[in-house]
Every structure is written in C-alpha cells, then in structure tokens.
Amino acid sequence: MAKKSDDVKKPDASANLVDPGKAAPAFSMPDQTGKTHAKKDYVGRWLVIYFYPKDNTPGCTKEACSFRDMQTEFEKRNAAVLGVSPDTEKKHAKFIEKYDLNFDLLADTEQTLCSQFGVWQEKSMYGRKYMGVVRTTYLIDPKGNVAFRWDKVKVKGHDDEVLAKIDELSA
C-alpha cells in the first residue's frame, strides 16, 4: 500500500543551514512590489537577511519594527536589510504599509530561499508537526559569504546584536 504524502517524513532542513565562511546561496526573489532582488545586487555591501514565519504576527511584527527603527544605523554601516517569509507580495505590501517599514520583504511563496538557507524545517506546536520557517538571521559580507548566522533568534535586542557584529567584523 502506498503511503500518503502526509505520512512521508520530510528531511530536516537544519542540516542545510549555511555555515559562516561559506558562500551564501545565490538567489533571485521578488519583493512586495514584484521587483526582483538577487545576491549579486548586494556585492560590496553587508547584507542582513532575516527569515521569519509570518507577517502580522506579534514576534514577526516586533522584529520588523526593530529593523525599521535601526535602518539609519544599518545604512551608516553600508548594510542592507531584507526580510524573507513565505507570505505573498500582496501580504508583504500590506505589512509594510501598516508598519511603515523602510526595507524590502522577499516573497518566498515556494520556500525556495528558505530551503536554500536551511530555515524551512519541521516544527511542532501542541503536538502537531508541520513545516515552517525557523526564525534565523544571516549576515552576508560584502564579498557574498556568510559572515555570521543567528539560529532560533530571540527578537528582543536582535537588531543591536546584528549591528554589533557588523562593527566587530568591520574593525
């Protein structure tokens, strides 16, 4: 008897997390306006790519607003910020408008980028297992390599941690 697709155990993507020192995966992904962003567009700058589960949820909103509020500090350090979730371009546009976000959100509706960076993983809530984004941030250096990775990010103070790491690595 053939197994239903729900019965097939999904591979643990955490084995695919990209370690510091390795080249960041190449990507090309639309933002909230449909404009495509690619890794090559950020060569010569620091790039903060933060992966989050869903627009308009408490933790994800707090994280986005923290990056928004520190945007000037990121710009001073020649760093761009991109948020990535499986939400659609339309949902991202509404999220950006609602919270006046000043950076782009990539719409990874097929979980391609999330999988490439190893953040699309099996999760569990109330005993139910499902696939989803594990909150993770990557700092990509100006040459396109992973300089640092924060796993299972705690939102409070995370923006300051990222800025401090850029300062440390730039010194």
N, C-alpha and C. Protein backbone atom coordinates (compact mmCIF):
# COMPACT_ATOMS: atom_id res chain seq x y z
N MET A 1 0.83 -1.18 0.00
CA MET A 1 0.00 0.00 0.00
C MET A 1 0.89 1.25 0.00
N ALA A 2 0.60 2.17 -0.88
CA ALA A 2 1.40 3.38 -1.00
C ALA A 2 1.11 4.30 0.18
N LYS A 3 2.16 4.99 0.62
CA LYS A 3 1.99 5.95 1.71
C LYS A 3 1.40 7.24 1.19
N LYS A 4 0.55 7.85 1.99
CA LYS A 4 0.07 9.19 1.65
C LYS A 4 1.23 10.16 1.85
N SER A 5 1.20 11.24 1.11
CA SER A 5 2.31 12.20 1.22
C SER A 5 2.44 12.75 2.64
N ASP A 6 1.33 12.81 3.39
CA ASP A 6 1.39 13.29 4.77
C ASP A 6 2.18 12.36 5.68
N ASP A 7 2.27 11.07 5.29
CA ASP A 7 2.96 10.09 6.11
C ASP A 7 4.48 10.10 5.85
N VAL A 8 4.90 10.74 4.79
CA VAL A 8 6.32 10.73 4.44
C VAL A 8 7.03 11.77 5.31
N LYS A 9 8.09 11.33 6.01
CA LYS A 9 8.85 12.25 6.86
C LYS A 9 9.66 13.17 5.97
N LYS A 10 9.53 14.46 6.21
CA LYS A 10 10.27 15.45 5.46
C LYS A 10 11.70 15.51 6.02
N PRO A 11 12.69 15.73 5.14
CA PRO A 11 14.06 15.82 5.63
C PRO A 11 14.23 17.05 6.52
N ASP A 12 15.12 16.96 7.48
CA ASP A 12 15.39 18.07 8.37
C ASP A 12 16.29 19.06 7.66
N ALA A 13 15.74 20.21 7.32
CA ALA A 13 16.48 21.21 6.57
C ALA A 13 17.59 21.85 7.39
N SER A 14 17.55 21.70 8.73
CA SER A 14 18.59 22.34 9.54
C SER A 14 19.96 21.81 9.16
N ALA A 15 20.01 20.63 8.56
CA ALA A 15 21.28 20.10 8.08
C ALA A 15 21.81 20.95 6.92
N ASN A 16 20.92 21.76 6.33
CA ASN A 16 21.30 22.60 5.20
C ASN A 16 21.60 24.04 5.59
N LEU A 17 21.62 24.35 6.88
CA LEU A 17 21.98 25.70 7.30
C LEU A 17 23.36 26.02 6.73
N VAL A 18 23.53 27.24 6.27
CA VAL A 18 24.80 27.63 5.66
C VAL A 18 25.71 28.16 6.76
N ASP A 19 26.87 27.55 6.89
CA ASP A 19 27.80 27.92 7.96
C ASP A 19 28.60 29.16 7.59
N PRO A 20 28.97 29.95 8.60
CA PRO A 20 29.85 31.09 8.36
C PRO A 20 31.13 30.66 7.65
N GLY A 21 31.57 31.49 6.73
CA GLY A 21 32.76 31.19 5.94
C GLY A 21 32.42 30.61 4.58
N LYS A 22 31.21 30.10 4.43
CA LYS A 22 30.76 29.54 3.16
C LYS A 22 30.11 30.63 2.31
N ALA A 23 30.11 30.42 1.02
CA ALA A 23 29.42 31.36 0.12
C ALA A 23 27.92 31.28 0.40
N ALA A 24 27.29 32.44 0.47
CA ALA A 24 25.83 32.47 0.61
C ALA A 24 25.23 31.97 -0.69
N PRO A 25 24.13 31.23 -0.62
CA PRO A 25 23.48 30.77 -1.85
C PRO A 25 23.07 31.94 -2.74
N ALA A 26 23.21 31.73 -4.03
CA ALA A 26 22.71 32.74 -4.99
C ALA A 26 21.19 32.71 -4.91
N PHE A 27 20.59 33.87 -5.08
CA PHE A 27 19.13 33.92 -5.06
C PHE A 27 18.63 35.03 -5.97
N SER A 28 17.39 34.88 -6.35
CA SER A 28 16.67 35.88 -7.14
C SER A 28 15.21 35.73 -6.73
N MET A 29 14.68 36.75 -6.04
CA MET A 29 13.38 36.61 -5.40
C MET A 29 12.64 37.95 -5.46
N PRO A 30 11.32 37.93 -5.70
CA PRO A 30 10.56 39.19 -5.75
C PRO A 30 10.27 39.76 -4.37
N ASP A 31 10.20 41.10 -4.34
CA ASP A 31 9.80 41.77 -3.10
C ASP A 31 8.31 42.10 -3.16
N GLN A 32 7.88 42.94 -2.26
CA GLN A 32 6.46 43.31 -2.13
C GLN A 32 5.91 44.03 -3.34
N THR A 33 6.75 44.58 -4.20
CA THR A 33 6.29 45.27 -5.41
C THR A 33 6.47 44.44 -6.67
N GLY A 34 7.08 43.25 -6.51
CA GLY A 34 7.37 42.41 -7.67
C GLY A 34 8.78 42.61 -8.20
N LYS A 35 9.51 43.60 -7.67
CA LYS A 35 10.90 43.84 -8.08
C LYS A 35 11.76 42.68 -7.60
N THR A 36 12.63 42.20 -8.48
CA THR A 36 13.49 41.07 -8.14
C THR A 36 14.76 41.55 -7.45
N HIS A 37 15.11 40.87 -6.38
CA HIS A 37 16.36 41.10 -5.66
C HIS A 37 17.22 39.86 -5.84
N ALA A 38 18.51 40.08 -6.10
CA ALA A 38 19.44 38.97 -6.28
C ALA A 38 20.66 39.20 -5.41
N LYS A 39 21.30 38.12 -5.03
CA LYS A 39 22.52 38.21 -4.21
C LYS A 39 23.53 39.15 -4.85
N LYS A 40 23.69 39.07 -6.15
CA LYS A 40 24.69 39.88 -6.85
C LYS A 40 24.43 41.38 -6.72
N ASP A 41 23.18 41.77 -6.45
CA ASP A 41 22.84 43.18 -6.29
C ASP A 41 23.48 43.80 -5.04
N TYR A 42 23.93 42.95 -4.12
CA TYR A 42 24.42 43.43 -2.83
C TYR A 42 25.93 43.26 -2.66
N VAL A 43 26.62 42.85 -3.70
CA VAL A 43 28.08 42.73 -3.62
C VAL A 43 28.65 44.10 -3.30
N GLY A 44 29.59 44.14 -2.36
CA GLY A 44 30.19 45.39 -1.94
C GLY A 44 29.52 46.02 -0.73
N ARG A 45 28.45 45.38 -0.24
CA ARG A 45 27.73 45.85 0.95
C ARG A 45 27.51 44.68 1.90
N TRP A 46 27.30 44.99 3.15
CA TRP A 46 26.82 43.99 4.08
C TRP A 46 25.35 43.75 3.75
N LEU A 47 24.91 42.52 3.93
CA LEU A 47 23.51 42.18 3.71
C LEU A 47 23.00 41.38 4.90
N VAL A 48 21.96 41.89 5.53
CA VAL A 48 21.28 41.20 6.62
C VAL A 48 20.04 40.57 6.00
N ILE A 49 19.98 39.25 6.01
CA ILE A 49 18.78 38.55 5.54
C ILE A 49 18.18 37.87 6.76
N TYR A 50 17.00 38.34 7.14
CA TYR A 50 16.36 37.70 8.28
C TYR A 50 15.11 36.96 7.80
N PHE A 51 15.02 35.72 8.23
CA PHE A 51 13.92 34.83 7.87
C PHE A 51 12.94 34.79 9.04
N TYR A 52 11.67 34.97 8.74
CA TYR A 52 10.66 35.00 9.79
C TYR A 52 9.42 34.24 9.31
N PRO A 53 8.62 33.72 10.24
CA PRO A 53 7.50 32.87 9.86
C PRO A 53 6.35 33.54 9.11
N LYS A 54 5.87 34.71 9.57
CA LYS A 54 4.61 35.21 9.00
C LYS A 54 4.41 36.69 9.33
N ASP A 55 3.93 37.44 8.32
CA ASP A 55 3.59 38.84 8.52
C ASP A 55 2.46 38.97 9.54
N ASN A 56 2.46 40.12 10.24
CA ASN A 56 1.37 40.49 11.15
C ASN A 56 1.16 39.55 12.33
N THR A 57 2.21 38.88 12.76
CA THR A 57 2.16 38.11 14.00
C THR A 57 3.01 38.87 15.02
N PRO A 58 2.77 38.70 16.30
CA PRO A 58 3.44 39.55 17.29
C PRO A 58 4.98 39.57 17.20
N GLY A 59 5.61 38.40 17.21
CA GLY A 59 7.07 38.36 17.17
C GLY A 59 7.63 38.89 15.86
N CYS A 60 6.99 38.55 14.77
CA CYS A 60 7.47 38.97 13.45
C CYS A 60 7.30 40.48 13.26
N THR A 61 6.21 41.02 13.80
CA THR A 61 5.99 42.46 13.73
C THR A 61 7.03 43.19 14.57
N LYS A 62 7.28 42.70 15.76
CA LYS A 62 8.27 43.34 16.64
C LYS A 62 9.66 43.31 15.98
N GLU A 63 10.01 42.19 15.36
CA GLU A 63 11.32 42.08 14.70
C GLU A 63 11.42 43.06 13.53
N ALA A 64 10.39 43.11 12.71
CA ALA A 64 10.40 44.02 11.55
C ALA A 64 10.50 45.47 12.01
N CYS A 65 9.75 45.84 13.04
CA CYS A 65 9.77 47.22 13.52
C CYS A 65 11.12 47.56 14.15
N SER A 66 11.78 46.60 14.77
CA SER A 66 13.12 46.83 15.31
C SER A 66 14.11 47.13 14.20
N PHE A 67 14.08 46.34 13.14
CA PHE A 67 14.96 46.63 12.00
C PHE A 67 14.60 47.97 11.36
N ARG A 68 13.31 48.27 11.28
CA ARG A 68 12.86 49.56 10.74
C ARG A 68 13.46 50.71 11.55
N ASP A 69 13.36 50.62 12.86
CA ASP A 69 13.80 51.70 13.73
C ASP A 69 15.32 51.89 13.71
N MET A 70 16.05 50.87 13.32
CA MET A 70 17.52 50.96 13.28
C MET A 70 18.05 51.11 11.86
N GLN A 71 17.17 51.34 10.90
CA GLN A 71 17.58 51.39 9.49
C GLN A 71 18.70 52.40 9.23
N THR A 72 18.65 53.56 9.87
CA THR A 72 19.70 54.57 9.68
C THR A 72 21.05 54.02 10.12
N GLU A 73 21.06 53.27 11.21
CA GLU A 73 22.32 52.68 11.70
C GLU A 73 22.86 51.64 10.71
N PHE A 74 21.97 50.86 10.11
CA PHE A 74 22.41 49.89 9.11
C PHE A 74 22.99 50.62 7.89
N GLU A 75 22.31 51.67 7.46
CA GLU A 75 22.78 52.43 6.31
C GLU A 75 24.15 53.04 6.57
N LYS A 76 24.39 53.53 7.80
CA LYS A 76 25.70 54.09 8.16
C LYS A 76 26.81 53.05 8.00
N ARG A 77 26.46 51.79 8.13
CA ARG A 77 27.43 50.70 8.05
C ARG A 77 27.45 50.05 6.66
N ASN A 78 26.82 50.71 5.69
CA ASN A 78 26.75 50.19 4.33
C ASN A 78 26.12 48.79 4.32
N ALA A 79 25.03 48.65 5.07
CA ALA A 79 24.34 47.37 5.20
C ALA A 79 22.89 47.50 4.74
N ALA A 80 22.46 46.53 3.95
CA ALA A 80 21.06 46.44 3.53
C ALA A 80 20.38 45.37 4.37
N VAL A 81 19.08 45.55 4.58
CA VAL A 81 18.27 44.58 5.33
C VAL A 81 17.18 44.06 4.41
N LEU A 82 17.03 42.74 4.38
CA LEU A 82 15.93 42.10 3.66
C LEU A 82 15.25 41.12 4.60
N GLY A 83 13.93 41.19 4.68
CA GLY A 83 13.17 40.19 5.40
C GLY A 83 12.64 39.16 4.42
N VAL A 84 12.55 37.91 4.84
CA VAL A 84 12.06 36.83 3.97
C VAL A 84 11.06 35.97 4.74
N SER A 85 9.89 35.76 4.13
CA SER A 85 8.92 34.82 4.67
C SER A 85 8.15 34.22 3.50
N PRO A 86 7.37 33.17 3.77
CA PRO A 86 6.58 32.55 2.71
C PRO A 86 5.34 33.34 2.30
N ASP A 87 5.11 34.51 2.90
CA ASP A 87 3.95 35.31 2.56
C ASP A 87 4.04 35.84 1.12
N THR A 88 2.89 36.20 0.57
CA THR A 88 2.80 36.70 -0.80
C THR A 88 3.27 38.16 -0.88
N GLU A 89 3.50 38.61 -2.10
CA GLU A 89 3.87 40.01 -2.34
C GLU A 89 2.79 40.93 -1.78
N LYS A 90 1.54 40.59 -2.01
CA LYS A 90 0.41 41.42 -1.56
C LYS A 90 0.38 41.53 -0.03
N LYS A 91 0.59 40.40 0.67
CA LYS A 91 0.61 40.42 2.14
C LYS A 91 1.78 41.26 2.64
N HIS A 92 2.94 41.12 1.98
CA HIS A 92 4.11 41.92 2.36
C HIS A 92 3.83 43.40 2.18
N ALA A 93 3.20 43.76 1.07
CA ALA A 93 2.90 45.18 0.80
C ALA A 93 2.01 45.76 1.91
N LYS A 94 1.01 45.00 2.33
CA LYS A 94 0.11 45.46 3.40
C LYS A 94 0.86 45.58 4.73
N PHE A 95 1.74 44.62 5.00
CA PHE A 95 2.54 44.62 6.24
C PHE A 95 3.46 45.85 6.26
N ILE A 96 4.10 46.12 5.14
CA ILE A 96 5.00 47.27 5.03
C ILE A 96 4.22 48.57 5.23
N GLU A 97 3.06 48.66 4.60
CA GLU A 97 2.25 49.88 4.72
C GLU A 97 1.75 50.06 6.15
N LYS A 98 1.27 49.00 6.76
CA LYS A 98 0.71 49.07 8.11
C LYS A 98 1.73 49.53 9.14
N TYR A 99 2.98 49.07 8.99
CA TYR A 99 4.01 49.37 9.99
C TYR A 99 5.09 50.33 9.47
N ASP A 100 4.86 50.92 8.30
CA ASP A 100 5.78 51.90 7.73
C ASP A 100 7.22 51.35 7.68
N LEU A 101 7.35 50.13 7.19
CA LEU A 101 8.68 49.51 7.09
C LEU A 101 9.48 50.19 5.99
N ASN A 102 10.77 50.34 6.21
CA ASN A 102 11.64 51.06 5.29
C ASN A 102 12.70 50.17 4.65
N PHE A 103 12.36 48.92 4.48
CA PHE A 103 13.22 47.96 3.78
C PHE A 103 12.31 46.95 3.09
N ASP A 104 12.88 46.17 2.19
CA ASP A 104 12.08 45.25 1.38
C ASP A 104 11.90 43.89 2.04
N LEU A 105 10.77 43.27 1.72
CA LEU A 105 10.44 41.92 2.17
C LEU A 105 10.33 41.02 0.94
N LEU A 106 11.06 39.92 0.94
CA LEU A 106 11.03 39.00 -0.19
C LEU A 106 9.92 37.97 0.02
N ALA A 107 9.18 37.72 -1.06
CA ALA A 107 8.04 36.80 -1.04
C ALA A 107 8.50 35.42 -1.51
N ASP A 108 8.84 34.56 -0.55
CA ASP A 108 9.34 33.22 -0.84
C ASP A 108 8.19 32.21 -0.74
N THR A 109 7.18 32.38 -1.60
CA THR A 109 5.96 31.58 -1.51
C THR A 109 6.17 30.09 -1.76
N GLU A 110 7.25 29.74 -2.44
CA GLU A 110 7.55 28.33 -2.70
C GLU A 110 8.61 27.79 -1.74
N GLN A 111 9.01 28.60 -0.78
CA GLN A 111 10.02 28.25 0.23
C GLN A 111 11.38 27.89 -0.38
N THR A 112 11.67 28.43 -1.55
CA THR A 112 12.93 28.14 -2.24
C THR A 112 14.11 28.72 -1.48
N LEU A 113 14.06 30.00 -1.18
CA LEU A 113 15.15 30.66 -0.47
C LEU A 113 15.27 30.12 0.95
N CYS A 114 14.13 29.91 1.60
CA CYS A 114 14.13 29.34 2.95
C CYS A 114 14.82 27.98 2.96
N SER A 115 14.57 27.17 1.95
CA SER A 115 15.20 25.85 1.86
C SER A 115 16.69 25.97 1.57
N GLN A 116 17.06 26.89 0.66
CA GLN A 116 18.48 27.07 0.33
C GLN A 116 19.29 27.46 1.56
N PHE A 117 18.70 28.27 2.43
CA PHE A 117 19.40 28.72 3.64
C PHE A 117 19.15 27.79 4.83
N GLY A 118 18.35 26.73 4.64
CA GLY A 118 18.15 25.72 5.67
C GLY A 118 17.20 26.09 6.78
N VAL A 119 16.36 27.11 6.58
CA VAL A 119 15.48 27.57 7.65
C VAL A 119 14.06 27.01 7.53
N TRP A 120 13.75 26.30 6.45
CA TRP A 120 12.45 25.65 6.27
C TRP A 120 12.58 24.28 6.93
N GLN A 121 12.03 24.17 8.14
CA GLN A 121 12.25 22.99 8.96
C GLN A 121 10.95 22.48 9.56
N GLU A 122 11.02 21.23 10.05
CA GLU A 122 9.87 20.69 10.75
C GLU A 122 9.77 21.35 12.11
N LYS A 123 8.55 21.80 12.43
CA LYS A 123 8.28 22.45 13.70
C LYS A 123 7.17 21.67 14.39
N SER A 124 6.96 21.98 15.65
CA SER A 124 5.91 21.29 16.41
C SER A 124 5.24 22.29 17.34
N MET A 125 3.89 22.26 17.34
CA MET A 125 3.13 23.10 18.26
C MET A 125 1.92 22.31 18.73
N TYR A 126 1.77 22.21 20.04
CA TYR A 126 0.68 21.46 20.64
C TYR A 126 0.61 20.03 20.11
N GLY A 127 1.78 19.45 19.89
CA GLY A 127 1.85 18.07 19.43
C GLY A 127 1.67 17.87 17.94
N ARG A 128 1.34 18.94 17.23
CA ARG A 128 1.16 18.85 15.78
C ARG A 128 2.46 19.23 15.09
N LYS A 129 2.90 18.38 14.18
CA LYS A 129 4.12 18.65 13.42
C LYS A 129 3.76 19.27 12.07
N TYR A 130 4.55 20.24 11.66
CA TYR A 130 4.32 20.92 10.39
C TYR A 130 5.63 21.54 9.93
N MET A 131 5.68 21.93 8.67
CA MET A 131 6.87 22.58 8.13
C MET A 131 6.68 24.10 8.22
N GLY A 132 7.75 24.79 8.57
CA GLY A 132 7.67 26.23 8.67
C GLY A 132 9.05 26.86 8.78
N VAL A 133 9.07 28.17 8.84
CA VAL A 133 10.31 28.93 8.94
C VAL A 133 10.75 28.99 10.39
N VAL A 134 12.00 28.62 10.64
CA VAL A 134 12.61 28.81 11.95
C VAL A 134 13.31 30.17 11.90
N ARG A 135 12.95 31.07 12.80
CA ARG A 135 13.47 32.44 12.80
C ARG A 135 15.01 32.41 12.86
N THR A 136 15.62 32.88 11.78
CA THR A 136 17.07 32.82 11.60
C THR A 136 17.52 34.08 10.87
N THR A 137 18.70 34.58 11.23
CA THR A 137 19.26 35.73 10.53
C THR A 137 20.65 35.38 10.03
N TYR A 138 20.91 35.77 8.79
CA TYR A 138 22.24 35.62 8.19
C TYR A 138 22.83 37.01 7.95
N LEU A 139 24.12 37.14 8.25
CA LEU A 139 24.86 38.34 7.89
C LEU A 139 25.81 37.93 6.76
N ILE A 140 25.60 38.53 5.61
CA ILE A 140 26.41 38.24 4.42
C ILE A 140 27.43 39.37 4.26
N ASP A 141 28.69 39.00 4.09
CA ASP A 141 29.72 40.03 3.97
C ASP A 141 29.73 40.65 2.57
N PRO A 142 30.48 41.73 2.36
CA PRO A 142 30.47 42.41 1.06
C PRO A 142 30.97 41.55 -0.11
N LYS A 143 31.62 40.43 0.17
CA LYS A 143 32.08 39.52 -0.89
C LYS A 143 31.05 38.43 -1.20
N GLY A 144 29.97 38.36 -0.43
CA GLY A 144 28.92 37.38 -0.68
C GLY A 144 29.03 36.11 0.13
N ASN A 145 29.85 36.13 1.18
CA ASN A 145 29.99 34.96 2.05
C ASN A 145 29.23 35.16 3.36
N VAL A 146 28.82 34.06 3.96
CA VAL A 146 28.15 34.15 5.25
C VAL A 146 29.19 34.53 6.29
N ALA A 147 28.99 35.67 6.92
CA ALA A 147 29.90 36.14 7.95
C ALA A 147 29.47 35.65 9.33
N PHE A 148 28.13 35.53 9.52
CA PHE A 148 27.61 35.10 10.82
C PHE A 148 26.16 34.64 10.63
N ARG A 149 25.73 33.75 11.54
CA ARG A 149 24.36 33.25 11.49
C ARG A 149 23.80 33.18 12.91
N TRP A 150 22.61 33.71 13.09
CA TRP A 150 21.91 33.62 14.36
C TRP A 150 20.78 32.61 14.18
N ASP A 151 20.79 31.55 15.00
CA ASP A 151 19.78 30.50 14.92
C ASP A 151 18.71 30.73 15.99
N LYS A 152 17.47 30.36 15.68
CA LYS A 152 16.34 30.44 16.62
C LYS A 152 16.39 31.78 17.35
N VAL A 153 16.34 32.84 16.59
CA VAL A 153 16.50 34.21 17.06
C VAL A 153 15.46 34.57 18.11
N LYS A 154 15.94 35.22 19.15
CA LYS A 154 15.07 35.88 20.14
C LYS A 154 14.99 37.33 19.68
N VAL A 155 13.80 37.85 19.49
CA VAL A 155 13.60 39.14 18.84
C VAL A 155 14.17 40.31 19.64
N LYS A 156 13.93 40.35 20.94
CA LYS A 156 14.35 41.50 21.75
C LYS A 156 15.88 41.68 21.70
N GLY A 157 16.30 42.84 21.22
CA GLY A 157 17.72 43.17 21.16
C GLY A 157 18.47 42.59 19.97
N HIS A 158 17.76 41.86 19.12
CA HIS A 158 18.44 41.21 17.99
C HIS A 158 19.04 42.23 17.02
N ASP A 159 18.34 43.32 16.76
CA ASP A 159 18.87 44.35 15.87
C ASP A 159 20.21 44.89 16.37
N ASP A 160 20.32 45.09 17.68
CA ASP A 160 21.57 45.56 18.27
C ASP A 160 22.69 44.53 18.12
N GLU A 161 22.34 43.25 18.27
CA GLU A 161 23.34 42.18 18.09
C GLU A 161 23.90 42.20 16.67
N VAL A 162 23.01 42.39 15.70
CA VAL A 162 23.44 42.39 14.30
C VAL A 162 24.35 43.59 14.02
N LEU A 163 23.96 44.76 14.51
CA LEU A 163 24.81 45.95 14.33
C LEU A 163 26.17 45.77 14.99
N ALA A 164 26.18 45.21 16.19
CA ALA A 164 27.44 44.99 16.90
C ALA A 164 28.34 44.01 16.13
N LYS A 165 27.74 43.00 15.53
CA LYS A 165 28.53 42.03 14.77
C LYS A 165 29.12 42.68 13.52
N ILE A 166 28.36 43.53 12.84
CA ILE A 166 28.89 44.25 11.67
C ILE A 166 30.07 45.11 12.12
N ASP A 167 29.91 45.83 13.25
CA ASP A 167 31.00 46.66 13.75
C ASP A 167 32.24 45.82 14.06
N GLU A 168 32.02 44.70 14.73
CA GLU A 168 33.13 43.81 15.10
C GLU A 168 33.86 43.31 13.86
N LEU A 169 33.11 42.87 12.87
CA LEU A 169 33.74 42.29 11.66
C LEU A 169 34.32 43.35 10.74
N SER A 170 33.88 44.59 10.89
CA SER A 170 34.39 45.68 10.06
C SER A 170 35.67 46.28 10.63
N ALA A 171 35.92 46.02 11.91
CA ALA A 171 37.07 46.64 12.59
C ALA A 171 38.41 46.10 12.08
